[in-house]
C-alpha atoms as a PDB file:
ATOM      1  CA  MET A   1      -0.051   0.134   0.127  1.00  0.00           C
ATOM      2  CA  SER A   2       1.479   3.429  -1.138  1.00  0.00           C
ATOM      3  CA  ARG A   3       1.873   6.251   1.603  1.00  0.00           C
ATOM      4  CA  PHE A   4      -1.121   8.169  -0.235  1.00  0.00           C
ATOM      5  CA  SER A   5      -3.220   5.189   0.248  1.00  0.00           C
ATOM      6  CA  CYS A   6      -2.355   4.864   3.641  1.00  0.00           C
ATOM      7  CA  ALA A   7      -3.065   8.556   4.244  1.00  0.00           C
ATOM      8  CA  ALA A   8      -6.360   8.314   2.717  1.00  0.00           C
ATOM      9  CA  ALA A   9      -7.486   5.644   4.571  1.00  0.00           C
ATOM     10  CA  VAL A  10      -6.339   7.479   7.624  1.00  0.00           C
ATOM     11  CA  VAL A  11      -8.433  10.252   6.879  1.00  0.00           C
ATOM     12  CA  CYS A  12     -11.575   8.104   5.589  1.00  0.00           C
ATOM     13  CA  CYS A  13     -11.471   6.351   8.990  1.00  0.00           C
ATOM     14  CA  GLY A  14     -11.138   9.707  10.944  1.00  0.00           C
ATOM     15  CA  LEU A  15     -14.193  11.147   9.246  1.00  0.00           C
ATOM     16  CA  LEU A  16     -16.538   7.991   9.397  1.00  0.00           C
ATOM     17  CA  LEU A  17     -15.622   7.287  13.043  1.00  0.00           C
ATOM     18  CA  PRO A  18     -17.516  10.243  14.532  1.00  0.00           C
ATOM     19  CA  VAL A  19     -20.584   9.808  12.087  1.00  0.00           C
ATOM     20  CA  ALA A  20     -20.985   6.280  13.509  1.00  0.00           C
ATOM     21  CA  ALA A  21     -20.298   7.136  17.019  1.00  0.00           C
ATOM     22  CA  CYS A  22     -23.222   9.860  16.624  1.00  0.00           C
ATOM     23  CA  GLN A  23     -25.584   7.347  15.065  1.00  0.00           C
ATOM     24  CA  ARG A  24     -24.511   4.977  17.801  1.00  0.00           C
ATOM     25  CA  ASN A  25     -25.312   7.721  20.712  1.00  0.00           C
ATOM     26  CA  GLU A  26     -28.437   9.059  18.582  1.00  0.00           C
ATOM     27  CA  ARG A  27     -31.721   9.138  20.864  1.00  0.00           C
ATOM     28  CA  LEU A  28     -34.341   6.747  20.059  1.00  0.00           C
ATOM     29  CA  GLU A  29     -37.453   6.694  21.091  1.00  0.00           C
ATOM     30  CA  PRO A  30     -39.652   3.330  21.924  1.00  0.00           C
ATOM     31  CA  VAL A  31     -42.355   2.708  19.207  1.00  0.00           C
ATOM     32  CA  ALA A  32     -44.685  -0.050  19.110  1.00  0.00           C
ATOM     33  CA  GLY A  33     -48.068   0.374  17.251  1.00  0.00           C
ATOM     34  CA  THR A  34     -50.599  -1.571  15.524  1.00  0.00           C
ATOM     35  CA  VAL A  35     -51.535  -1.260  11.775  1.00  0.00           C
ATOM     36  CA  VAL A  36     -55.477  -2.131  11.105  1.00  0.00           C
ATOM     37  CA  PHE A  37     -58.195  -1.215   8.259  1.00  0.00           C
ATOM     38  CA  ALA A  38     -60.644   1.230   9.165  1.00  0.00           C
ATOM     39  CA  ASP A  39     -62.957  -1.125  10.677  1.00  0.00           C
ATOM     40  CA  GLY A  40     -60.565  -2.271  13.248  1.00  0.00           C
ATOM     41  CA  GLN A  41     -59.373  -5.551  11.842  1.00  0.00           C
ATOM     42  CA  PRO A  42     -55.738  -5.933  11.978  1.00  0.00           C
ATOM     43  CA  VAL A  43     -53.606  -5.914   9.044  1.00  0.00           C
ATOM     44  CA  SER A  44     -51.506  -9.268   9.328  1.00  0.00           C
ATOM     45  CA  GLY A  45     -48.453  -9.452   7.352  1.00  0.00           C
ATOM     46  CA  GLY A  46     -45.989  -6.823   5.673  1.00  0.00           C
ATOM     47  CA  VAL A  47     -43.871  -3.917   6.903  1.00  0.00           C
ATOM     48  CA  VAL A  48     -44.694  -0.230   8.253  1.00  0.00           C
ATOM     49  CA  GLU A  49     -42.245   2.285   6.998  1.00  0.00           C
ATOM     50  CA  PHE A  50     -41.678   5.619   8.636  1.00  0.00           C
ATOM     51  CA  ASP A  51     -39.726   8.555   6.687  1.00  0.00           C
ATOM     52  CA  HIS A  52     -38.507  10.997   8.906  1.00  0.00           C
ATOM     53  CA  LEU A  53     -39.849  14.570   7.202  1.00  0.00           C
ATOM     54  CA  GLU A  54     -36.559  16.343   8.651  1.00  0.00           C
ATOM     55  CA  ILE A  55     -33.683  16.516   5.990  1.00  0.00           C
ATOM     56  CA  GLY A  56     -30.997  14.034   7.342  1.00  0.00           C
ATOM     57  CA  GLY A  57     -33.513  12.122   9.386  1.00  0.00           C
ATOM     58  CA  ARG A  58     -33.330   8.446   9.570  1.00  0.00           C
ATOM     59  CA  PRO A  59     -36.172   6.329   8.263  1.00  0.00           C
ATOM     60  CA  ALA A  60     -37.709   3.358  10.549  1.00  0.00           C
ATOM     61  CA  ARG A  61     -39.490   0.343   9.767  1.00  0.00           C
ATOM     62  CA  GLY A  62     -41.259  -2.674  11.578  1.00  0.00           C
ATOM     63  CA  ALA A  63     -42.584  -6.002  10.406  1.00  0.00           C
ATOM     64  CA  ILE A  64     -46.314  -6.355  10.946  1.00  0.00           C
ATOM     65  CA  GLY A  65     -47.555  -9.261  13.209  1.00  0.00           C
ATOM     66  CA  PRO A  66     -50.477 -11.233  12.666  1.00  0.00           C
ATOM     67  CA  ASP A  67     -52.072  -9.381  15.148  1.00  0.00           C
ATOM     68  CA  GLY A  68     -51.277  -5.844  13.240  1.00  0.00           C
ATOM     69  CA  ALA A  69     -48.769  -5.184  15.901  1.00  0.00           C
ATOM     70  CA  PHE A  70     -45.143  -3.419  14.869  1.00  0.00           C
ATOM     71  CA  THR A  71     -42.080  -2.407  16.606  1.00  0.00           C
ATOM     72  CA  LEU A  72     -40.034   0.082  14.776  1.00  0.00           C
ATOM     73  CA  LYS A  73     -36.252  -0.197  14.173  1.00  0.00           C
ATOM     74  CA  SER A  74     -33.763   2.379  12.776  1.00  0.00           C
ATOM     75  CA  GLY A  75     -31.436   0.004  11.108  1.00  0.00           C
ATOM     76  CA  ALA A  76     -30.221  -2.447  13.823  1.00  0.00           C
ATOM     77  CA  MET A  77     -31.523  -0.348  16.714  1.00  0.00           C
ATOM     78  CA  THR A  78     -35.050  -0.549  18.152  1.00  0.00           C
ATOM     79  CA  GLY A  79     -36.740   2.970  18.203  1.00  0.00           C
ATOM     80  CA  ALA A  80     -37.256   6.039  16.187  1.00  0.00           C
ATOM     81  CA  ARG A  81     -35.794   9.632  16.624  1.00  0.00           C
ATOM     82  CA  ALA A  82     -38.643  12.151  17.725  1.00  0.00           C
ATOM     83  CA  GLY A  83     -40.030  13.957  14.965  1.00  0.00           C
ATOM     84  CA  ARG A  84     -42.819  13.782  12.183  1.00  0.00           C
ATOM     85  CA  TYR A  85     -42.829  11.200   9.552  1.00  0.00           C
ATOM     86  CA  ARG A  86     -44.749   9.962   6.464  1.00  0.00           C
ATOM     87  CA  VAL A  87     -46.020   6.566   6.822  1.00  0.00           C
ATOM     88  CA  ALA A  88     -46.122   3.655   4.135  1.00  0.00           C
ATOM     89  CA  VAL A  89     -47.459   0.357   4.738  1.00  0.00           C
ATOM     90  CA  VAL A  90     -46.276  -2.540   2.226  1.00  0.00           C
ATOM     91  CA  HIS A  91     -48.701  -5.243   2.797  1.00  0.00           C
ATOM     92  CA  VAL A  92     -47.835  -8.894   2.234  1.00  0.00           C
ATOM     93  CA  LEU A  93     -50.959 -11.056   1.800  1.00  0.00           C
ATOM     94  CA  VAL A  94     -50.377 -13.994   4.264  1.00  0.00           C
ATOM     95  CA  GLU A  95     -52.366 -17.159   3.687  1.00  0.00           C
ATOM     96  CA  SER A  96     -54.281 -17.992   6.858  1.00  0.00           C
ATOM     97  CA  GLY A  97     -55.146 -21.550   5.779  1.00  0.00           C
ATOM     98  CA  GLY A  98     -58.573 -20.772   6.243  1.00  0.00           C
ATOM     99  CA  ARG A  99     -61.603 -22.817   4.319  1.00  0.00           C
ATOM    100  CA  HIS A 100     -62.305 -22.650   0.695  1.00  0.00           C
ATOM    101  CA  GLY A 101     -64.359 -19.364  -0.347  1.00  0.00           C
ATOM    102  CA  HIS A 102     -62.604 -17.494   2.744  1.00  0.00           C
ATOM    103  CA  ALA A 103     -62.313 -13.896   1.795  1.00  0.00           C
ATOM    104  CA  HIS A 104     -58.983 -12.517   2.329  1.00  0.00           C
ATOM    105  CA  ARG A 105     -58.269  -8.774   2.421  1.00  0.00           C
ATOM    106  CA  ARG A 106     -55.340  -6.698   1.349  1.00  0.00           C
ATOM    107  CA  VAL A 107     -54.210  -3.071   2.138  1.00  0.00           C
ATOM    108  CA  HIS A 108     -54.999  -0.869  -0.806  1.00  0.00           C
ATOM    109  CA  PRO A 109     -51.941  -0.068  -2.755  1.00  0.00           C
ATOM    110  CA  LYS A 110     -52.002   3.425  -2.362  1.00  0.00           C
ATOM    111  CA  PHE A 111     -50.805   2.858   1.162  1.00  0.00           C
ATOM    112  CA  GLY A 112     -47.570   1.488  -0.104  1.00  0.00           C
ATOM    113  CA  ARG A 113     -45.988   4.801  -1.059  1.00  0.00           C
ATOM    114  CA  PHE A 114     -45.220   7.763   1.152  1.00  0.00           C
ATOM    115  CA  ALA A 115     -46.442  10.008  -1.708  1.00  0.00           C
ATOM    116  CA  THR A 116     -49.944   8.617  -1.667  1.00  0.00           C
ATOM    117  CA  SER A 117     -50.588   7.348   1.729  1.00  0.00           C
ATOM    118  CA  GLY A 118     -51.761  10.439   3.231  1.00  0.00           C
ATOM    119  CA  ILE A 119     -50.496   9.219   6.502  1.00  0.00           C
ATOM    120  CA  VAL A 120     -48.318  11.318   8.986  1.00  0.00           C
ATOM    121  CA  THR A 121     -47.646  10.832  12.614  1.00  0.00           C
ATOM    122  CA  GLU A 122     -45.268  12.108  15.113  1.00  0.00           C
ATOM    123  CA  VAL A 123     -42.712  10.281  17.408  1.00  0.00           C
ATOM    124  CA  THR A 124     -42.462  12.291  20.918  1.00  0.00           C
ATOM    125  CA  THR A 125     -39.697  12.296  23.165  1.00  0.00           C
ATOM    126  CA  GLY A 126     -40.005  10.642  26.476  1.00  0.00           C
ATOM    127  CA  ARG A 127     -42.828   8.074  26.222  1.00  0.00           C
ATOM    128  CA  THR A 128     -43.684   5.052  24.737  1.00  0.00           C
ATOM    129  CA  ASN A 129     -45.346   5.939  21.387  1.00  0.00           C
ATOM    130  CA  ALA A 130     -48.132   3.876  20.304  1.00  0.00           C
ATOM    131  CA  PRO A 131     -49.347   4.768  16.877  1.00  0.00           C
ATOM    132  CA  ARG A 132     -52.399   3.482  15.485  1.00  0.00           C
ATOM    133  CA  ILE A 133     -52.171   3.360  11.788  1.00  0.00           C
ATOM    134  CA  VAL A 134     -55.406   2.984   9.833  1.00  0.00           C
ATOM    135  CA  VAL A 135     -55.388   1.632   6.439  1.00  0.00           C
ATOM    136  CA  GLU A 136     -58.366   0.951   3.570  1.00  0.00           C
ATOM    137  CA  PRO A 137     -58.613  -2.268   1.938  1.00  0.00           C
ATOM    138  CA  ALA A 138     -58.033  -3.081  -1.601  1.00  0.00           C
ATOM    139  CA  ALA A 139     -61.044  -5.093  -3.214  1.00  0.00           C
ATOM    140  CA  SER A 140     -61.451  -8.392  -1.616  1.00  0.00           C
ATOM    141  CA  LEU A 141     -59.849 -11.373  -2.893  1.00  0.00           C
ATOM    142  CA  THR A 142     -61.499 -14.583  -2.734  1.00  0.00           C
ATOM    143  CA  LYS A 143     -59.919 -18.247  -2.997  1.00  0.00           C
ATOM    144  CA  PRO A 144     -60.901 -19.943  -6.283  1.00  0.00           C
END
């Protein structure tokens, strides 16, 4: 390795370490909420994504369980930074093993994009945040 390469590596590491340390020390607030259809039935399966509205704000996401519950993570760390977020729900239809003709519902596709979901929520400091994300269903699907 040349002296230039060594010097460049040292400078790069010197610049990156404070950024990594800052992210590790970033205060994240606990966020554990639910995703439901307008009639109160849980959305089962998929991912809820939070896009921080502040420039440079970190996004957060969480898997949606069978009961509609989710816990947000920012990267590998649990929680989300305080602030306002746009929300998207990316629904994956989960087969329930129901009987023939059992109706399945899925989330309307407009909720899968930040620009069209219309959902904005806030994560606040000093308490557990429990947002209830309400979505509309797409047309019902019926098993053949």
